[in-house]
Amino acid sequence: MAQLPEEITTTVLELQRRLLVVIDRATATGFAILQQYGETETTLIALEDLDNVRERANTYYSRFHTLLVRIAESQPFADTAMLELLNRSIEQAQATVEAAQATIQEEKRNFNIP
């Protein structure tokens, strides 16, 4: 098995946890908006934004799962391209989580969702 430094594994697993939180909060916020305001032009835009947030978070969550499994199955070392993809994905996912959290908070404020 190709070994990753513990710091990288911990970072990825923490990012996966944060991505799950984003998926949950985006879904809950969309549900609350739909329940309180129904489908209007304004809410449909917000719901689409939240769907995009959820999809991006899900993409990175799945990518990390796939990369970690492939790296773990690599013998005796992980492919350099795979490690570069993992590092690039970490950077992109960190930015995505921050942007996603900001979008969720903005939609909550726009619709007075606690």
PDB file of N, CA and C in Angstrom:
ATOM      1  N   MET A   1       0.848  -1.181   0.000  1.00  0.00           N
ATOM      2  CA  MET A   1       0.000   0.000   0.000  1.00  0.00           C
ATOM      3  C   MET A   1       0.887   1.235   0.000  1.00  0.00           C
ATOM      4  N   ALA A   2       0.541   2.191  -0.823  1.00  0.00           N
ATOM      5  CA  ALA A   2       1.258   3.462  -0.836  1.00  0.00           C
ATOM      6  C   ALA A   2       0.824   4.267   0.385  1.00  0.00           C
ATOM      7  N   GLN A   3       1.796   4.748   1.107  1.00  0.00           N
ATOM      8  CA  GLN A   3       1.502   5.487   2.326  1.00  0.00           C
ATOM      9  C   GLN A   3       1.497   6.992   2.060  1.00  0.00           C
ATOM     10  N   LEU A   4       0.461   7.643   2.511  1.00  0.00           N
ATOM     11  CA  LEU A   4       0.395   9.098   2.483  1.00  0.00           C
ATOM     12  C   LEU A   4       0.857   9.613   3.833  1.00  0.00           C
ATOM     13  N   PRO A   5       1.447  10.789   3.845  1.00  0.00           N
ATOM     14  CA  PRO A   5       1.741  11.385   5.152  1.00  0.00           C
ATOM     15  C   PRO A   5       0.449  11.558   5.948  1.00  0.00           C
ATOM     16  N   GLU A   6       0.530  11.315   7.235  1.00  0.00           N
ATOM     17  CA  GLU A   6      -0.660  11.398   8.086  1.00  0.00           C
ATOM     18  C   GLU A   6      -1.338  12.758   7.980  1.00  0.00           C
ATOM     19  N   GLU A   7      -0.551  13.806   7.826  1.00  0.00           N
ATOM     20  CA  GLU A   7      -1.101  15.160   7.722  1.00  0.00           C
ATOM     21  C   GLU A   7      -2.033  15.289   6.510  1.00  0.00           C
ATOM     22  N   ILE A   8      -1.639  14.700   5.393  1.00  0.00           N
ATOM     23  CA  ILE A   8      -2.476  14.772   4.189  1.00  0.00           C
ATOM     24  C   ILE A   8      -3.745  13.968   4.379  1.00  0.00           C
ATOM     25  N   THR A   9      -3.618  12.770   4.918  1.00  0.00           N
ATOM     26  CA  THR A   9      -4.803  11.940   5.172  1.00  0.00           C
ATOM     27  C   THR A   9      -5.761  12.648   6.117  1.00  0.00           C
ATOM     28  N   THR A  10      -5.248  13.241   7.173  1.00  0.00           N
ATOM     29  CA  THR A  10      -6.079  13.969   8.130  1.00  0.00           C
ATOM     30  C   THR A  10      -6.758  15.156   7.456  1.00  0.00           C
ATOM     31  N   THR A  11      -6.032  15.873   6.620  1.00  0.00           N
ATOM     32  CA  THR A  11      -6.600  17.024   5.904  1.00  0.00           C
ATOM     33  C   THR A  11      -7.750  16.585   5.008  1.00  0.00           C
ATOM     34  N   VAL A  12      -7.540  15.507   4.262  1.00  0.00           N
ATOM     35  CA  VAL A  12      -8.578  15.020   3.352  1.00  0.00           C
ATOM     36  C   VAL A  12      -9.811  14.564   4.128  1.00  0.00           C
ATOM     37  N   LEU A  13      -9.608  13.809   5.188  1.00  0.00           N
ATOM     38  CA  LEU A  13     -10.751  13.321   5.965  1.00  0.00           C
ATOM     39  C   LEU A  13     -11.512  14.467   6.625  1.00  0.00           C
ATOM     40  N   GLU A  14     -10.797  15.491   7.080  1.00  0.00           N
ATOM     41  CA  GLU A  14     -11.447  16.668   7.651  1.00  0.00           C
ATOM     42  C   GLU A  14     -12.217  17.422   6.564  1.00  0.00           C
ATOM     43  N   LEU A  15     -11.652  17.519   5.382  1.00  0.00           N
ATOM     44  CA  LEU A  15     -12.361  18.166   4.282  1.00  0.00           C
ATOM     45  C   LEU A  15     -13.622  17.386   3.917  1.00  0.00           C
ATOM     46  N   GLN A  16     -13.535  16.071   3.924  1.00  0.00           N
ATOM     47  CA  GLN A  16     -14.730  15.272   3.649  1.00  0.00           C
ATOM     48  C   GLN A  16     -15.812  15.532   4.696  1.00  0.00           C
ATOM     49  N   ARG A  17     -15.414  15.651   5.945  1.00  0.00           N
ATOM     50  CA  ARG A  17     -16.384  15.960   7.001  1.00  0.00           C
ATOM     51  C   ARG A  17     -17.034  17.324   6.737  1.00  0.00           C
ATOM     52  N   ARG A  18     -16.219  18.307   6.406  1.00  0.00           N
ATOM     53  CA  ARG A  18     -16.732  19.653   6.130  1.00  0.00           C
ATOM     54  C   ARG A  18     -17.634  19.666   4.892  1.00  0.00           C
ATOM     55  N   LEU A  19     -17.281  18.873   3.894  1.00  0.00           N
ATOM     56  CA  LEU A  19     -18.110  18.786   2.695  1.00  0.00           C
ATOM     57  C   LEU A  19     -19.463  18.163   3.012  1.00  0.00           C
ATOM     58  N   LEU A  20     -19.484  17.168   3.884  1.00  0.00           N
ATOM     59  CA  LEU A  20     -20.756  16.579   4.315  1.00  0.00           C
ATOM     60  C   LEU A  20     -21.624  17.609   5.033  1.00  0.00           C
ATOM     61  N   VAL A  21     -21.002  18.436   5.846  1.00  0.00           N
ATOM     62  CA  VAL A  21     -21.739  19.498   6.540  1.00  0.00           C
ATOM     63  C   VAL A  21     -22.318  20.478   5.521  1.00  0.00           C
ATOM     64  N   VAL A  22     -21.543  20.828   4.516  1.00  0.00           N
ATOM     65  CA  VAL A  22     -22.028  21.734   3.466  1.00  0.00           C
ATOM     66  C   VAL A  22     -23.226  21.117   2.751  1.00  0.00           C
ATOM     67  N   ILE A  23     -23.125  19.843   2.389  1.00  0.00           N
ATOM     68  CA  ILE A  23     -24.228  19.153   1.718  1.00  0.00           C
ATOM     69  C   ILE A  23     -25.480  19.187   2.586  1.00  0.00           C
ATOM     70  N   ASP A  24     -25.310  18.884   3.874  1.00  0.00           N
ATOM     71  CA  ASP A  24     -26.436  18.892   4.805  1.00  0.00           C
ATOM     72  C   ASP A  24     -27.053  20.281   4.940  1.00  0.00           C
ATOM     73  N   ARG A  25     -26.235  21.291   5.141  1.00  0.00           N
ATOM     74  CA  ARG A  25     -26.753  22.648   5.357  1.00  0.00           C
ATOM     75  C   ARG A  25     -27.384  23.230   4.101  1.00  0.00           C
ATOM     76  N   ALA A  26     -26.800  22.941   2.938  1.00  0.00           N
ATOM     77  CA  ALA A  26     -27.394  23.423   1.685  1.00  0.00           C
ATOM     78  C   ALA A  26     -28.758  22.773   1.472  1.00  0.00           C
ATOM     79  N   THR A  27     -28.849  21.488   1.758  1.00  0.00           N
ATOM     80  CA  THR A  27     -30.114  20.771   1.606  1.00  0.00           C
ATOM     81  C   THR A  27     -31.155  21.297   2.596  1.00  0.00           C
ATOM     82  N   ALA A  28     -30.766  21.458   3.842  1.00  0.00           N
ATOM     83  CA  ALA A  28     -31.684  21.946   4.868  1.00  0.00           C
ATOM     84  C   ALA A  28     -32.149  23.368   4.562  1.00  0.00           C
ATOM     85  N   THR A  29     -31.247  24.213   4.093  1.00  0.00           N
ATOM     86  CA  THR A  29     -31.605  25.593   3.766  1.00  0.00           C
ATOM     87  C   THR A  29     -32.567  25.618   2.587  1.00  0.00           C
ATOM     88  N   GLY A  30     -32.297  24.838   1.562  1.00  0.00           N
ATOM     89  CA  GLY A  30     -33.207  24.757   0.417  1.00  0.00           C
ATOM     90  C   GLY A  30     -34.575  24.267   0.821  1.00  0.00           C
ATOM     91  N   PHE A  31     -34.616  23.273   1.681  1.00  0.00           N
ATOM     92  CA  PHE A  31     -35.898  22.746   2.163  1.00  0.00           C
ATOM     93  C   PHE A  31     -36.665  23.818   2.925  1.00  0.00           C
ATOM     94  N   ALA A  32     -35.980  24.544   3.799  1.00  0.00           N
ATOM     95  CA  ALA A  32     -36.640  25.598   4.588  1.00  0.00           C
ATOM     96  C   ALA A  32     -37.178  26.704   3.685  1.00  0.00           C
ATOM     97  N   ILE A  33     -36.406  27.105   2.692  1.00  0.00           N
ATOM     98  CA  ILE A  33     -36.863  28.142   1.762  1.00  0.00           C
ATOM     99  C   ILE A  33     -38.097  27.671   1.013  1.00  0.00           C
ATOM    100  N   LEU A  34     -38.055  26.460   0.520  1.00  0.00           N
ATOM    101  CA  LEU A  34     -39.185  25.908  -0.225  1.00  0.00           C
ATOM    102  C   LEU A  34     -40.432  25.790   0.651  1.00  0.00           C
ATOM    103  N   GLN A  35     -40.252  25.353   1.898  1.00  0.00           N
ATOM    104  CA  GLN A  35     -41.388  25.205   2.814  1.00  0.00           C
ATOM    105  C   GLN A  35     -42.016  26.554   3.166  1.00  0.00           C
ATOM    106  N   GLN A  36     -41.183  27.568   3.392  1.00  0.00           N
ATOM    107  CA  GLN A  36     -41.702  28.861   3.839  1.00  0.00           C
ATOM    108  C   GLN A  36     -42.202  29.738   2.700  1.00  0.00           C
ATOM    109  N   TYR A  37     -41.554  29.643   1.524  1.00  0.00           N
ATOM    110  CA  TYR A  37     -41.863  30.585   0.456  1.00  0.00           C
ATOM    111  C   TYR A  37     -42.391  29.949  -0.824  1.00  0.00           C
ATOM    112  N   GLY A  38     -42.321  28.634  -0.927  1.00  0.00           N
ATOM    113  CA  GLY A  38     -42.792  27.967  -2.128  1.00  0.00           C
ATOM    114  C   GLY A  38     -41.881  28.231  -3.314  1.00  0.00           C
ATOM    115  N   GLU A  39     -42.409  27.915  -4.504  1.00  0.00           N
ATOM    116  CA  GLU A  39     -41.634  28.096  -5.723  1.00  0.00           C
ATOM    117  C   GLU A  39     -42.015  29.422  -6.372  1.00  0.00           C
ATOM    118  N   THR A  40     -41.096  30.355  -6.333  1.00  0.00           N
ATOM    119  CA  THR A  40     -41.251  31.640  -7.002  1.00  0.00           C
ATOM    120  C   THR A  40     -39.996  31.878  -7.828  1.00  0.00           C
ATOM    121  N   GLU A  41     -39.990  32.932  -8.634  1.00  0.00           N
ATOM    122  CA  GLU A  41     -38.786  33.240  -9.413  1.00  0.00           C
ATOM    123  C   GLU A  41     -37.585  33.423  -8.490  1.00  0.00           C
ATOM    124  N   THR A  42     -37.797  34.121  -7.392  1.00  0.00           N
ATOM    125  CA  THR A  42     -36.711  34.406  -6.457  1.00  0.00           C
ATOM    126  C   THR A  42     -36.226  33.146  -5.755  1.00  0.00           C
ATOM    127  N   THR A  43     -37.164  32.342  -5.291  1.00  0.00           N
ATOM    128  CA  THR A  43     -36.741  31.135  -4.569  1.00  0.00           C
ATOM    129  C   THR A  43     -36.092  30.124  -5.507  1.00  0.00           C
ATOM    130  N   LEU A  44     -36.567  30.053  -6.757  1.00  0.00           N
ATOM    131  CA  LEU A  44     -35.964  29.102  -7.691  1.00  0.00           C
ATOM    132  C   LEU A  44     -34.502  29.429  -7.958  1.00  0.00           C
ATOM    133  N   ILE A  45     -34.162  30.702  -7.997  1.00  0.00           N
ATOM    134  CA  ILE A  45     -32.759  31.100  -8.169  1.00  0.00           C
ATOM    135  C   ILE A  45     -31.940  30.662  -6.958  1.00  0.00           C
ATOM    136  N   ALA A  46     -32.481  30.929  -5.770  1.00  0.00           N
ATOM    137  CA  ALA A  46     -31.786  30.531  -4.542  1.00  0.00           C
ATOM    138  C   ALA A  46     -31.639  29.015  -4.463  1.00  0.00           C
ATOM    139  N   LEU A  47     -32.694  28.292  -4.822  1.00  0.00           N
ATOM    140  CA  LEU A  47     -32.643  26.830  -4.773  1.00  0.00           C
ATOM    141  C   LEU A  47     -31.622  26.287  -5.775  1.00  0.00           C
ATOM    142  N   GLU A  48     -31.519  26.915  -6.929  1.00  0.00           N
ATOM    143  CA  GLU A  48     -30.519  26.500  -7.912  1.00  0.00           C
ATOM    144  C   GLU A  48     -29.103  26.752  -7.384  1.00  0.00           C
ATOM    145  N   ASP A  49     -28.912  27.909  -6.741  1.00  0.00           N
ATOM    146  CA  ASP A  49     -27.605  28.197  -6.140  1.00  0.00           C
ATOM    147  C   ASP A  49     -27.243  27.148  -5.094  1.00  0.00           C
ATOM    148  N   LEU A  50     -28.205  26.773  -4.273  1.00  0.00           N
ATOM    149  CA  LEU A  50     -27.958  25.774  -3.241  1.00  0.00           C
ATOM    150  C   LEU A  50     -27.716  24.392  -3.843  1.00  0.00           C
ATOM    151  N   ASP A  51     -28.415  24.076  -4.934  1.00  0.00           N
ATOM    152  CA  ASP A  51     -28.161  22.813  -5.635  1.00  0.00           C
ATOM    153  C   ASP A  51     -26.735  22.777  -6.174  1.00  0.00           C
ATOM    154  N   ASN A  52     -26.279  23.901  -6.724  1.00  0.00           N
ATOM    155  CA  ASN A  52     -24.902  23.977  -7.237  1.00  0.00           C
ATOM    156  C   ASN A  52     -23.885  23.780  -6.122  1.00  0.00           C
ATOM    157  N   VAL A  53     -24.155  24.380  -4.964  1.00  0.00           N
ATOM    158  CA  VAL A  53     -23.278  24.217  -3.804  1.00  0.00           C
ATOM    159  C   VAL A  53     -23.205  22.745  -3.417  1.00  0.00           C
ATOM    160  N   ARG A  54     -24.352  22.118  -3.355  1.00  0.00           N
ATOM    161  CA  ARG A  54     -24.423  20.707  -2.959  1.00  0.00           C
ATOM    162  C   ARG A  54     -23.691  19.818  -3.977  1.00  0.00           C
ATOM    163  N   GLU A  55     -23.871  20.096  -5.258  1.00  0.00           N
ATOM    164  CA  GLU A  55     -23.217  19.297  -6.292  1.00  0.00           C
ATOM    165  C   GLU A  55     -21.691  19.436  -6.250  1.00  0.00           C
ATOM    166  N   ARG A  56     -21.199  20.657  -6.060  1.00  0.00           N
ATOM    167  CA  ARG A  56     -19.749  20.864  -5.976  1.00  0.00           C
ATOM    168  C   ARG A  56     -19.176  20.131  -4.768  1.00  0.00           C
ATOM    169  N   ALA A  57     -19.866  20.235  -3.630  1.00  0.00           N
ATOM    170  CA  ALA A  57     -19.391  19.553  -2.428  1.00  0.00           C
ATOM    171  C   ALA A  57     -19.391  18.038  -2.631  1.00  0.00           C
ATOM    172  N   ASN A  58     -20.426  17.537  -3.257  1.00  0.00           N
ATOM    173  CA  ASN A  58     -20.528  16.101  -3.506  1.00  0.00           C
ATOM    174  C   ASN A  58     -19.424  15.633  -4.460  1.00  0.00           C
ATOM    175  N   THR A  59     -19.111  16.451  -5.450  1.00  0.00           N
ATOM    176  CA  THR A  59     -18.051  16.111  -6.402  1.00  0.00           C
ATOM    177  C   THR A  59     -16.711  15.945  -5.694  1.00  0.00           C
ATOM    178  N   TYR A  60     -16.374  16.896  -4.828  1.00  0.00           N
ATOM    179  CA  TYR A  60     -15.096  16.800  -4.123  1.00  0.00           C
ATOM    180  C   TYR A  60     -15.098  15.653  -3.121  1.00  0.00           C
ATOM    181  N   TYR A  61     -16.219  15.446  -2.436  1.00  0.00           N
ATOM    182  CA  TYR A  61     -16.302  14.330  -1.494  1.00  0.00           C
ATOM    183  C   TYR A  61     -16.021  13.018  -2.228  1.00  0.00           C
ATOM    184  N   SER A  62     -16.679  12.819  -3.358  1.00  0.00           N
ATOM    185  CA  SER A  62     -16.501  11.592  -4.144  1.00  0.00           C
ATOM    186  C   SER A  62     -15.085  11.480  -4.705  1.00  0.00           C
ATOM    187  N   ARG A  63     -14.536  12.595  -5.163  1.00  0.00           N
ATOM    188  CA  ARG A  63     -13.179  12.587  -5.704  1.00  0.00           C
ATOM    189  C   ARG A  63     -12.185  12.141  -4.638  1.00  0.00           C
ATOM    190  N   PHE A  64     -12.340  12.665  -3.426  1.00  0.00           N
ATOM    191  CA  PHE A  64     -11.423  12.281  -2.355  1.00  0.00           C
ATOM    192  C   PHE A  64     -11.542  10.793  -2.051  1.00  0.00           C
ATOM    193  N   HIS A  65     -12.756  10.300  -2.007  1.00  0.00           N
ATOM    194  CA  HIS A  65     -12.958   8.866  -1.740  1.00  0.00           C
ATOM    195  C   HIS A  65     -12.219   8.036  -2.789  1.00  0.00           C
ATOM    196  N   THR A  66     -12.421   8.357  -4.045  1.00  0.00           N
ATOM    197  CA  THR A  66     -11.804   7.608  -5.134  1.00  0.00           C
ATOM    198  C   THR A  66     -10.280   7.701  -5.084  1.00  0.00           C
ATOM    199  N   LEU A  67      -9.768   8.915  -4.894  1.00  0.00           N
ATOM    200  CA  LEU A  67      -8.316   9.092  -4.849  1.00  0.00           C
ATOM    201  C   LEU A  67      -7.678   8.348  -3.687  1.00  0.00           C
ATOM    202  N   LEU A  68      -8.292   8.441  -2.505  1.00  0.00           N
ATOM    203  CA  LEU A  68      -7.711   7.754  -1.346  1.00  0.00           C
ATOM    204  C   LEU A  68      -7.677   6.240  -1.551  1.00  0.00           C
ATOM    205  N   VAL A  69      -8.739   5.693  -2.116  1.00  0.00           N
ATOM    206  CA  VAL A  69      -8.766   4.246  -2.360  1.00  0.00           C
ATOM    207  C   VAL A  69      -7.714   3.864  -3.392  1.00  0.00           C
ATOM    208  N   ARG A  70      -7.612   4.629  -4.459  1.00  0.00           N
ATOM    209  CA  ARG A  70      -6.617   4.301  -5.496  1.00  0.00           C
ATOM    210  C   ARG A  70      -5.193   4.437  -4.969  1.00  0.00           C
ATOM    211  N   ILE A  71      -4.952   5.437  -4.160  1.00  0.00           N
ATOM    212  CA  ILE A  71      -3.623   5.602  -3.574  1.00  0.00           C
ATOM    213  C   ILE A  71      -3.320   4.448  -2.619  1.00  0.00           C
ATOM    214  N   ALA A  72      -4.309   4.065  -1.815  1.00  0.00           N
ATOM    215  CA  ALA A  72      -4.110   2.953  -0.879  1.00  0.00           C
ATOM    216  C   ALA A  72      -3.823   1.649  -1.607  1.00  0.00           C
ATOM    217  N   GLU A  73      -4.384   1.474  -2.793  1.00  0.00           N
ATOM    218  CA  GLU A  73      -4.181   0.247  -3.567  1.00  0.00           C
ATOM    219  C   GLU A  73      -2.910   0.280  -4.408  1.00  0.00           C
ATOM    220  N   SER A  74      -2.252   1.423  -4.477  1.00  0.00           N
ATOM    221  CA  SER A  74      -1.032   1.550  -5.284  1.00  0.00           C
ATOM    222  C   SER A  74       0.121   0.783  -4.643  1.00  0.00           C
ATOM    223  N   GLN A  75       0.934   0.169  -5.495  1.00  0.00           N
ATOM    224  CA  GLN A  75       2.097  -0.578  -5.017  1.00  0.00           C
ATOM    225  C   GLN A  75       3.312  -0.222  -5.841  1.00  0.00           C
ATOM    226  N   PRO A  76       4.446  -0.053  -5.361  1.00  0.00           N
ATOM    227  CA  PRO A  76       4.735   0.213  -3.958  1.00  0.00           C
ATOM    228  C   PRO A  76       4.545   1.688  -3.612  1.00  0.00           C
ATOM    229  N   PHE A  77       4.413   2.532  -4.656  1.00  0.00           N
ATOM    230  CA  PHE A  77       4.228   3.964  -4.423  1.00  0.00           C
ATOM    231  C   PHE A  77       3.072   4.469  -5.261  1.00  0.00           C
ATOM    232  N   ALA A  78       2.463   5.545  -4.796  1.00  0.00           N
ATOM    233  CA  ALA A  78       1.378   6.162  -5.551  1.00  0.00           C
ATOM    234  C   ALA A  78       1.955   6.907  -6.746  1.00  0.00           C
ATOM    235  N   ASP A  79       1.215   6.914  -7.814  1.00  0.00           N
ATOM    236  CA  ASP A  79       1.599   7.619  -9.029  1.00  0.00           C
ATOM    237  C   ASP A  79       1.702   9.118  -8.741  1.00  0.00           C
ATOM    238  N   THR A  80       2.731   9.753  -9.290  1.00  0.00           N
ATOM    239  CA  THR A  80       2.953  11.180  -9.061  1.00  0.00           C
ATOM    240  C   THR A  80       1.759  12.009  -9.524  1.00  0.00           C
ATOM    241  N   ALA A  81       1.189  11.649 -10.659  1.00  0.00           N
ATOM    242  CA  ALA A  81       0.038  12.394 -11.175  1.00  0.00           C
ATOM    243  C   ALA A  81      -1.145  12.312 -10.204  1.00  0.00           C
ATOM    244  N   MET A  82      -1.321  11.146  -9.591  1.00  0.00           N
ATOM    245  CA  MET A  82      -2.413  10.976  -8.631  1.00  0.00           C
ATOM    246  C   MET A  82      -2.179  11.835  -7.389  1.00  0.00           C
ATOM    247  N   LEU A  83      -0.952  11.898  -6.935  1.00  0.00           N
ATOM    248  CA  LEU A  83      -0.625  12.726  -5.771  1.00  0.00           C
ATOM    249  C   LEU A  83      -0.795  14.208  -6.088  1.00  0.00           C
ATOM    250  N   GLU A  84      -0.426  14.604  -7.298  1.00  0.00           N
ATOM    251  CA  GLU A  84      -0.618  15.996  -7.706  1.00  0.00           C
ATOM    252  C   GLU A  84      -2.106  16.338  -7.780  1.00  0.00           C
ATOM    253  N   LEU A  85      -2.900  15.402  -8.300  1.00  0.00           N
ATOM    254  CA  LEU A  85      -4.342  15.611  -8.356  1.00  0.00           C
ATOM    255  C   LEU A  85      -4.919  15.737  -6.945  1.00  0.00           C
ATOM    256  N   LEU A  86      -4.428  14.912  -6.026  1.00  0.00           N
ATOM    257  CA  LEU A  86      -4.886  14.988  -4.641  1.00  0.00           C
ATOM    258  C   LEU A  86      -4.553  16.347  -4.039  1.00  0.00           C
ATOM    259  N   ASN A  87      -3.342  16.813  -4.227  1.00  0.00           N
ATOM    260  CA  ASN A  87      -2.947  18.117  -3.677  1.00  0.00           C
ATOM    261  C   ASN A  87      -3.756  19.255  -4.284  1.00  0.00           C
ATOM    262  N   ARG A  88      -3.953  19.205  -5.589  1.00  0.00           N
ATOM    263  CA  ARG A  88      -4.755  20.231  -6.260  1.00  0.00           C
ATOM    264  C   ARG A  88      -6.211  20.185  -5.773  1.00  0.00           C
ATOM    265  N   SER A  89      -6.731  18.986  -5.593  1.00  0.00           N
ATOM    266  CA  SER A  89      -8.110  18.823  -5.119  1.00  0.00           C
ATOM    267  C   SER A  89      -8.273  19.350  -3.697  1.00  0.00           C
ATOM    268  N   ILE A  90      -7.263  19.167  -2.859  1.00  0.00           N
ATOM    269  CA  ILE A  90      -7.307  19.702  -1.492  1.00  0.00           C
ATOM    270  C   ILE A  90      -7.439  21.215  -1.546  1.00  0.00           C
ATOM    271  N   GLU A  91      -6.610  21.857  -2.344  1.00  0.00           N
ATOM    272  CA  GLU A  91      -6.662  23.319  -2.446  1.00  0.00           C
ATOM    273  C   GLU A  91      -8.014  23.798  -2.966  1.00  0.00           C
ATOM    274  N   GLN A  92      -8.508  23.141  -4.005  1.00  0.00           N
ATOM    275  CA  GLN A  92      -9.779  23.537  -4.598  1.00  0.00           C
ATOM    276  C   GLN A  92     -10.946  23.273  -3.645  1.00  0.00           C
ATOM    277  N   ALA A  93     -10.907  22.162  -2.948  1.00  0.00           N
ATOM    278  CA  ALA A  93     -11.990  21.828  -2.018  1.00  0.00           C
ATOM    279  C   ALA A  93     -12.023  22.802  -0.847  1.00  0.00           C
ATOM    280  N   GLN A  94     -10.854  23.211  -0.370  1.00  0.00           N
ATOM    281  CA  GLN A  94     -10.822  24.190   0.718  1.00  0.00           C
ATOM    282  C   GLN A  94     -11.495  25.489   0.285  1.00  0.00           C
ATOM    283  N   ALA A  95     -11.197  25.942  -0.919  1.00  0.00           N
ATOM    284  CA  ALA A  95     -11.831  27.157  -1.438  1.00  0.00           C
ATOM    285  C   ALA A  95     -13.328  26.948  -1.656  1.00  0.00           C
ATOM    286  N   THR A  96     -13.691  25.767  -2.124  1.00  0.00           N
ATOM    287  CA  THR A  96     -15.100  25.451  -2.361  1.00  0.00           C
ATOM    288  C   THR A  96     -15.891  25.451  -1.069  1.00  0.00           C
ATOM    289  N   VAL A  97     -15.330  24.871  -0.011  1.00  0.00           N
ATOM    290  CA  VAL A  97     -16.027  24.838   1.279  1.00  0.00           C
ATOM    291  C   VAL A  97     -16.281  26.260   1.776  1.00  0.00           C
ATOM    292  N   GLU A  98     -15.281  27.107   1.686  1.00  0.00           N
ATOM    293  CA  GLU A  98     -15.435  28.496   2.147  1.00  0.00           C
ATOM    294  C   GLU A  98     -16.506  29.219   1.342  1.00  0.00           C
ATOM    295  N   ALA A  99     -16.451  29.085   0.018  1.00  0.00           N
ATOM    296  CA  ALA A  99     -17.434  29.744  -0.842  1.00  0.00           C
ATOM    297  C   ALA A  99     -18.836  29.177  -0.603  1.00  0.00           C
ATOM    298  N   ALA A 100     -18.929  27.874  -0.414  1.00  0.00           N
ATOM    299  CA  ALA A 100     -20.223  27.226  -0.182  1.00  0.00           C
ATOM    300  C   ALA A 100     -20.847  27.709   1.119  1.00  0.00           C
ATOM    301  N   GLN A 101     -20.043  27.794   2.158  1.00  0.00           N
ATOM    302  CA  GLN A 101     -20.561  28.277   3.441  1.00  0.00           C
ATOM    303  C   GLN A 101     -21.059  29.712   3.314  1.00  0.00           C
ATOM    304  N   ALA A 102     -20.346  30.529   2.555  1.00  0.00           N
ATOM    305  CA  ALA A 102     -20.772  31.916   2.353  1.00  0.00           C
ATOM    306  C   ALA A 102     -22.086  31.972   1.588  1.00  0.00           C
ATOM    307  N   THR A 103     -22.244  31.138   0.570  1.00  0.00           N
ATOM    308  CA  THR A 103     -23.488  31.101  -0.205  1.00  0.00           C
ATOM    309  C   THR A 103     -24.655  30.669   0.662  1.00  0.00           C
ATOM    310  N   ILE A 104     -24.455  29.655   1.464  1.00  0.00           N
ATOM    311  CA  ILE A 104     -25.525  29.169   2.347  1.00  0.00           C
ATOM    312  C   ILE A 104     -25.940  30.270   3.323  1.00  0.00           C
ATOM    313  N   GLN A 105     -24.968  30.929   3.929  1.00  0.00           N
ATOM    314  CA  GLN A 105     -25.283  32.012   4.876  1.00  0.00           C
ATOM    315  C   GLN A 105     -26.015  33.153   4.180  1.00  0.00           C
ATOM    316  N   GLU A 106     -25.600  33.479   2.972  1.00  0.00           N
ATOM    317  CA  GLU A 106     -26.249  34.556   2.227  1.00  0.00           C
ATOM    318  C   GLU A 106     -27.716  34.213   1.938  1.00  0.00           C
ATOM    319  N   GLU A 107     -27.975  32.986   1.510  1.00  0.00           N
ATOM    320  CA  GLU A 107     -29.358  32.587   1.228  1.00  0.00           C
ATOM    321  C   GLU A 107     -30.187  32.561   2.513  1.00  0.00           C
ATOM    322  N   LYS A 108     -29.599  32.141   3.606  1.00  0.00           N
ATOM    323  CA  LYS A 108     -30.304  32.166   4.885  1.00  0.00           C
ATOM    324  C   LYS A 108     -30.698  33.587   5.249  1.00  0.00           C
ATOM    325  N   ARG A 109     -29.750  34.527   5.095  1.00  0.00           N
ATOM    326  CA  ARG A 109     -30.050  35.936   5.393  1.00  0.00           C
ATOM    327  C   ARG A 109     -31.123  36.481   4.460  1.00  0.00           C
ATOM    328  N   ASN A 110     -31.013  36.155   3.173  1.00  0.00           N
ATOM    329  CA  ASN A 110     -31.973  36.668   2.190  1.00  0.00           C
ATOM    330  C   ASN A 110     -33.403  36.237   2.492  1.00  0.00           C
ATOM    331  N   PHE A 111     -33.559  35.052   3.082  1.00  0.00           N
ATOM    332  CA  PHE A 111     -34.889  34.523   3.347  1.00  0.00           C
ATOM    333  C   PHE A 111     -35.214  34.400   4.827  1.00  0.00           C
ATOM    334  N   ASN A 112     -34.397  35.026   5.666  1.00  0.00           N
ATOM    335  CA  ASN A 112     -34.616  35.006   7.111  1.00  0.00           C
ATOM    336  C   ASN A 112     -34.769  33.592   7.661  1.00  0.00           C
ATOM    337  N   ILE A 113     -33.851  32.742   7.274  1.00  0.00           N
ATOM    338  CA  ILE A 113     -33.835  31.350   7.746  1.00  0.00           C
ATOM    339  C   ILE A 113     -32.820  31.302   8.898  1.00  0.00           C
ATOM    340  N   PRO A 114     -33.223  30.779  10.039  1.00  0.00           N
ATOM    341  CA  PRO A 114     -32.272  30.712  11.173  1.00  0.00           C
ATOM    342  C   PRO A 114     -31.145  29.735  10.941  1.00  0.00           C
TER     343      PRO A 114
END
